[in-house]
Amino acid sequence: MKILYFAWLRQRIGVGAEDLNKPACVTTVGELVAYLIEDKSKAYATAFREMEAIRVAVNQEYVSFDRQIENGDEIAFFPPVTGG
């Protein structure tokens, strides 16, 4: 799967995108976040500390963190979008 990070998430993690084979223990977006926090660097824990301030899209569609994911999905994490 392709994982994209935008705005301050990208800054805190240090990368804008990464490819990852979906671990067998991961079935939802929320489980993916937990896996990233546990398996990756401390930067992921810092980036995802404020979950209520993070939005997610799977295959360019806004979803909740309980959304099921597959290995070929594109998952994007970003702060809320504001307009003017």
N, C-alpha and C. Protein backbone atom coordinates (compact mmCIF):
# COMPACT_ATOMS: atom_id res chain seq x y z
N MET A 1 0.84 -1.17 0.00
CA MET A 1 0.00 0.00 0.00
C MET A 1 0.89 1.24 0.00
N LYS A 2 0.34 2.32 -0.49
CA LYS A 2 1.05 3.60 -0.51
C LYS A 2 0.47 4.47 0.59
N ILE A 3 1.35 5.00 1.43
CA ILE A 3 0.92 5.87 2.53
C ILE A 3 1.48 7.26 2.27
N LEU A 4 0.59 8.25 2.32
CA LEU A 4 0.96 9.65 2.08
C LEU A 4 0.74 10.46 3.35
N TYR A 5 1.66 11.38 3.61
CA TYR A 5 1.58 12.26 4.79
C TYR A 5 1.65 13.70 4.30
N PHE A 6 0.77 14.55 4.82
CA PHE A 6 0.72 15.94 4.38
C PHE A 6 0.89 16.91 5.55
N ALA A 7 1.31 18.11 5.21
CA ALA A 7 1.44 19.24 6.15
C ALA A 7 2.31 18.86 7.35
N TRP A 8 1.84 19.15 8.57
CA TRP A 8 2.69 18.93 9.76
C TRP A 8 2.94 17.45 10.02
N LEU A 9 2.11 16.57 9.50
CA LEU A 9 2.40 15.14 9.64
C LEU A 9 3.68 14.80 8.88
N ARG A 10 3.81 15.32 7.68
CA ARG A 10 5.02 15.09 6.88
C ARG A 10 6.24 15.67 7.61
N GLN A 11 6.09 16.84 8.17
CA GLN A 11 7.21 17.47 8.87
C GLN A 11 7.63 16.65 10.09
N ARG A 12 6.69 16.17 10.85
CA ARG A 12 7.02 15.41 12.07
C ARG A 12 7.59 14.03 11.76
N ILE A 13 7.07 13.37 10.73
CA ILE A 13 7.55 12.04 10.38
C ILE A 13 8.85 12.10 9.59
N GLY A 14 8.96 13.12 8.74
CA GLY A 14 10.18 13.29 7.97
C GLY A 14 10.12 12.74 6.55
N VAL A 15 8.98 12.19 6.15
CA VAL A 15 8.79 11.71 4.78
C VAL A 15 7.39 12.09 4.31
N GLY A 16 7.25 12.25 3.01
CA GLY A 16 5.94 12.58 2.45
C GLY A 16 5.16 11.37 2.01
N ALA A 17 5.88 10.27 1.74
CA ALA A 17 5.22 9.05 1.26
C ALA A 17 6.10 7.85 1.55
N GLU A 18 5.45 6.71 1.66
CA GLU A 18 6.18 5.45 1.79
C GLU A 18 5.31 4.31 1.29
N ASP A 19 5.96 3.27 0.82
CA ASP A 19 5.28 2.05 0.41
C ASP A 19 5.45 1.02 1.52
N LEU A 20 4.38 0.28 1.79
CA LEU A 20 4.40 -0.70 2.87
C LEU A 20 3.55 -1.89 2.47
N ASN A 21 4.07 -3.07 2.66
CA ASN A 21 3.25 -4.27 2.52
C ASN A 21 2.40 -4.38 3.77
N LYS A 22 1.10 -4.51 3.59
CA LYS A 22 0.19 -4.53 4.72
C LYS A 22 0.48 -5.74 5.61
N PRO A 23 0.82 -5.49 6.87
CA PRO A 23 1.03 -6.60 7.80
C PRO A 23 -0.27 -7.36 8.02
N ALA A 24 -0.18 -8.64 8.27
CA ALA A 24 -1.36 -9.47 8.47
C ALA A 24 -2.22 -9.00 9.64
N CYS A 25 -1.60 -8.39 10.64
CA CYS A 25 -2.33 -7.94 11.82
C CYS A 25 -3.10 -6.64 11.59
N VAL A 26 -2.94 -6.03 10.43
CA VAL A 26 -3.57 -4.74 10.13
C VAL A 26 -4.74 -4.95 9.18
N THR A 27 -5.95 -4.56 9.63
CA THR A 27 -7.12 -4.67 8.76
C THR A 27 -7.84 -3.33 8.58
N THR A 28 -7.59 -2.37 9.48
CA THR A 28 -8.25 -1.07 9.40
C THR A 28 -7.22 0.06 9.42
N VAL A 29 -7.68 1.25 9.10
CA VAL A 29 -6.79 2.43 9.16
C VAL A 29 -6.27 2.62 10.58
N GLY A 30 -7.13 2.47 11.57
CA GLY A 30 -6.72 2.63 12.97
C GLY A 30 -5.65 1.64 13.37
N GLU A 31 -5.79 0.40 12.91
CA GLU A 31 -4.76 -0.61 13.19
C GLU A 31 -3.46 -0.27 12.48
N LEU A 32 -3.56 0.33 11.29
CA LEU A 32 -2.36 0.76 10.58
C LEU A 32 -1.63 1.83 11.39
N VAL A 33 -2.36 2.79 11.91
CA VAL A 33 -1.74 3.85 12.72
C VAL A 33 -1.06 3.23 13.94
N ALA A 34 -1.74 2.32 14.62
CA ALA A 34 -1.14 1.66 15.79
C ALA A 34 0.13 0.91 15.40
N TYR A 35 0.11 0.24 14.26
CA TYR A 35 1.28 -0.49 13.77
C TYR A 35 2.43 0.48 13.49
N LEU A 36 2.14 1.60 12.82
CA LEU A 36 3.19 2.58 12.50
C LEU A 36 3.82 3.14 13.77
N ILE A 37 2.98 3.44 14.75
CA ILE A 37 3.49 3.99 16.01
C ILE A 37 4.39 2.99 16.72
N GLU A 38 3.99 1.73 16.70
CA GLU A 38 4.75 0.70 17.41
C GLU A 38 5.99 0.24 16.65
N ASP A 39 5.88 0.15 15.33
CA ASP A 39 6.95 -0.47 14.53
C ASP A 39 7.98 0.52 13.99
N LYS A 40 7.60 1.76 13.84
CA LYS A 40 8.48 2.75 13.23
C LYS A 40 9.16 3.61 14.30
N SER A 41 9.73 4.70 13.86
CA SER A 41 10.45 5.59 14.78
C SER A 41 9.51 6.35 15.71
N LYS A 42 10.09 6.97 16.70
CA LYS A 42 9.34 7.79 17.66
C LYS A 42 8.59 8.93 16.97
N ALA A 43 9.07 9.34 15.81
CA ALA A 43 8.43 10.43 15.07
C ALA A 43 6.97 10.11 14.73
N TYR A 44 6.66 8.84 14.49
CA TYR A 44 5.28 8.45 14.19
C TYR A 44 4.39 8.65 15.40
N ALA A 45 4.87 8.30 16.57
CA ALA A 45 4.10 8.50 17.80
C ALA A 45 3.84 9.98 18.02
N THR A 46 4.83 10.80 17.74
CA THR A 46 4.66 12.25 17.87
C THR A 46 3.65 12.77 16.86
N ALA A 47 3.75 12.32 15.62
CA ALA A 47 2.87 12.80 14.56
C ALA A 47 1.41 12.41 14.81
N PHE A 48 1.19 11.20 15.31
CA PHE A 48 -0.17 10.71 15.49
C PHE A 48 -0.70 10.91 16.91
N ARG A 49 0.00 11.70 17.70
CA ARG A 49 -0.41 11.93 19.09
C ARG A 49 -1.79 12.58 19.18
N GLU A 50 -2.10 13.47 18.26
CA GLU A 50 -3.38 14.20 18.29
C GLU A 50 -4.30 13.63 17.21
N MET A 51 -4.80 12.42 17.43
CA MET A 51 -5.61 11.73 16.41
C MET A 51 -6.87 12.51 16.03
N GLU A 52 -7.44 13.24 16.97
CA GLU A 52 -8.66 13.99 16.65
C GLU A 52 -8.40 15.12 15.65
N ALA A 53 -7.14 15.47 15.44
CA ALA A 53 -6.78 16.53 14.51
C ALA A 53 -6.31 15.99 13.16
N ILE A 54 -6.49 14.69 12.94
CA ILE A 54 -6.00 14.07 11.71
C ILE A 54 -7.18 13.52 10.92
N ARG A 55 -7.17 13.75 9.64
CA ARG A 55 -8.15 13.20 8.72
C ARG A 55 -7.46 12.14 7.87
N VAL A 56 -8.25 11.24 7.30
CA VAL A 56 -7.68 10.17 6.49
C VAL A 56 -8.55 9.96 5.26
N ALA A 57 -7.88 9.61 4.17
CA ALA A 57 -8.57 9.22 2.94
C ALA A 57 -7.97 7.91 2.46
N VAL A 58 -8.84 7.03 1.98
CA VAL A 58 -8.39 5.79 1.35
C VAL A 58 -8.84 5.85 -0.10
N ASN A 59 -7.88 5.71 -0.98
CA ASN A 59 -8.14 5.79 -2.42
C ASN A 59 -8.88 7.08 -2.78
N GLN A 60 -8.44 8.18 -2.16
CA GLN A 60 -8.92 9.53 -2.40
C GLN A 60 -10.36 9.76 -1.98
N GLU A 61 -10.81 8.99 -0.99
CA GLU A 61 -12.15 9.15 -0.43
C GLU A 61 -12.02 9.27 1.08
N TYR A 62 -12.60 10.35 1.64
CA TYR A 62 -12.56 10.54 3.09
C TYR A 62 -13.22 9.35 3.78
N VAL A 63 -12.55 8.83 4.82
CA VAL A 63 -13.07 7.67 5.56
C VAL A 63 -12.79 7.86 7.04
N SER A 64 -13.35 6.96 7.85
CA SER A 64 -13.06 6.96 9.29
C SER A 64 -11.93 5.98 9.55
N PHE A 65 -11.42 6.01 10.77
CA PHE A 65 -10.29 5.17 11.12
C PHE A 65 -10.66 3.69 11.27
N ASP A 66 -11.95 3.38 11.24
CA ASP A 66 -12.35 1.97 11.29
C ASP A 66 -12.55 1.38 9.89
N ARG A 67 -12.21 2.13 8.87
CA ARG A 67 -12.34 1.66 7.47
C ARG A 67 -11.39 0.51 7.21
N GLN A 68 -11.88 -0.55 6.59
CA GLN A 68 -11.06 -1.69 6.19
C GLN A 68 -10.09 -1.25 5.09
N ILE A 69 -8.88 -1.80 5.09
CA ILE A 69 -7.90 -1.48 4.07
C ILE A 69 -7.32 -2.75 3.46
N GLU A 70 -6.84 -2.61 2.23
CA GLU A 70 -6.24 -3.71 1.49
C GLU A 70 -4.82 -3.33 1.10
N ASN A 71 -4.05 -4.31 0.68
CA ASN A 71 -2.64 -4.08 0.36
C ASN A 71 -2.43 -3.08 -0.77
N GLY A 72 -3.31 -2.98 -1.73
CA GLY A 72 -3.12 -2.07 -2.86
C GLY A 72 -3.66 -0.67 -2.65
N ASP A 73 -4.18 -0.36 -1.48
CA ASP A 73 -4.80 0.94 -1.22
C ASP A 73 -3.78 2.06 -1.11
N GLU A 74 -4.27 3.27 -1.41
CA GLU A 74 -3.51 4.49 -1.14
C GLU A 74 -4.16 5.14 0.07
N ILE A 75 -3.38 5.38 1.11
CA ILE A 75 -3.89 5.93 2.36
C ILE A 75 -3.19 7.25 2.62
N ALA A 76 -3.99 8.30 2.78
CA ALA A 76 -3.43 9.64 2.99
C ALA A 76 -3.86 10.18 4.34
N PHE A 77 -2.90 10.72 5.09
CA PHE A 77 -3.16 11.34 6.39
C PHE A 77 -2.86 12.83 6.27
N PHE A 78 -3.77 13.65 6.81
CA PHE A 78 -3.59 15.10 6.70
C PHE A 78 -4.40 15.80 7.78
N PRO A 79 -4.04 17.05 8.08
CA PRO A 79 -4.84 17.82 9.03
C PRO A 79 -6.13 18.27 8.33
N PRO A 80 -7.13 18.71 9.11
CA PRO A 80 -8.37 19.20 8.50
C PRO A 80 -8.08 20.29 7.48
N VAL A 81 -8.83 20.26 6.40
CA VAL A 81 -8.67 21.24 5.33
C VAL A 81 -9.58 22.42 5.62
N THR A 82 -9.02 23.62 5.52
CA THR A 82 -9.84 24.82 5.69
C THR A 82 -9.76 25.62 4.41
N GLY A 83 -10.77 26.36 4.17
CA GLY A 83 -10.82 27.17 2.95
C GLY A 83 -11.13 28.61 3.29
N GLY A 84 -11.04 29.43 2.29
CA GLY A 84 -11.30 30.84 2.55
C GLY A 84 -12.00 31.49 1.42
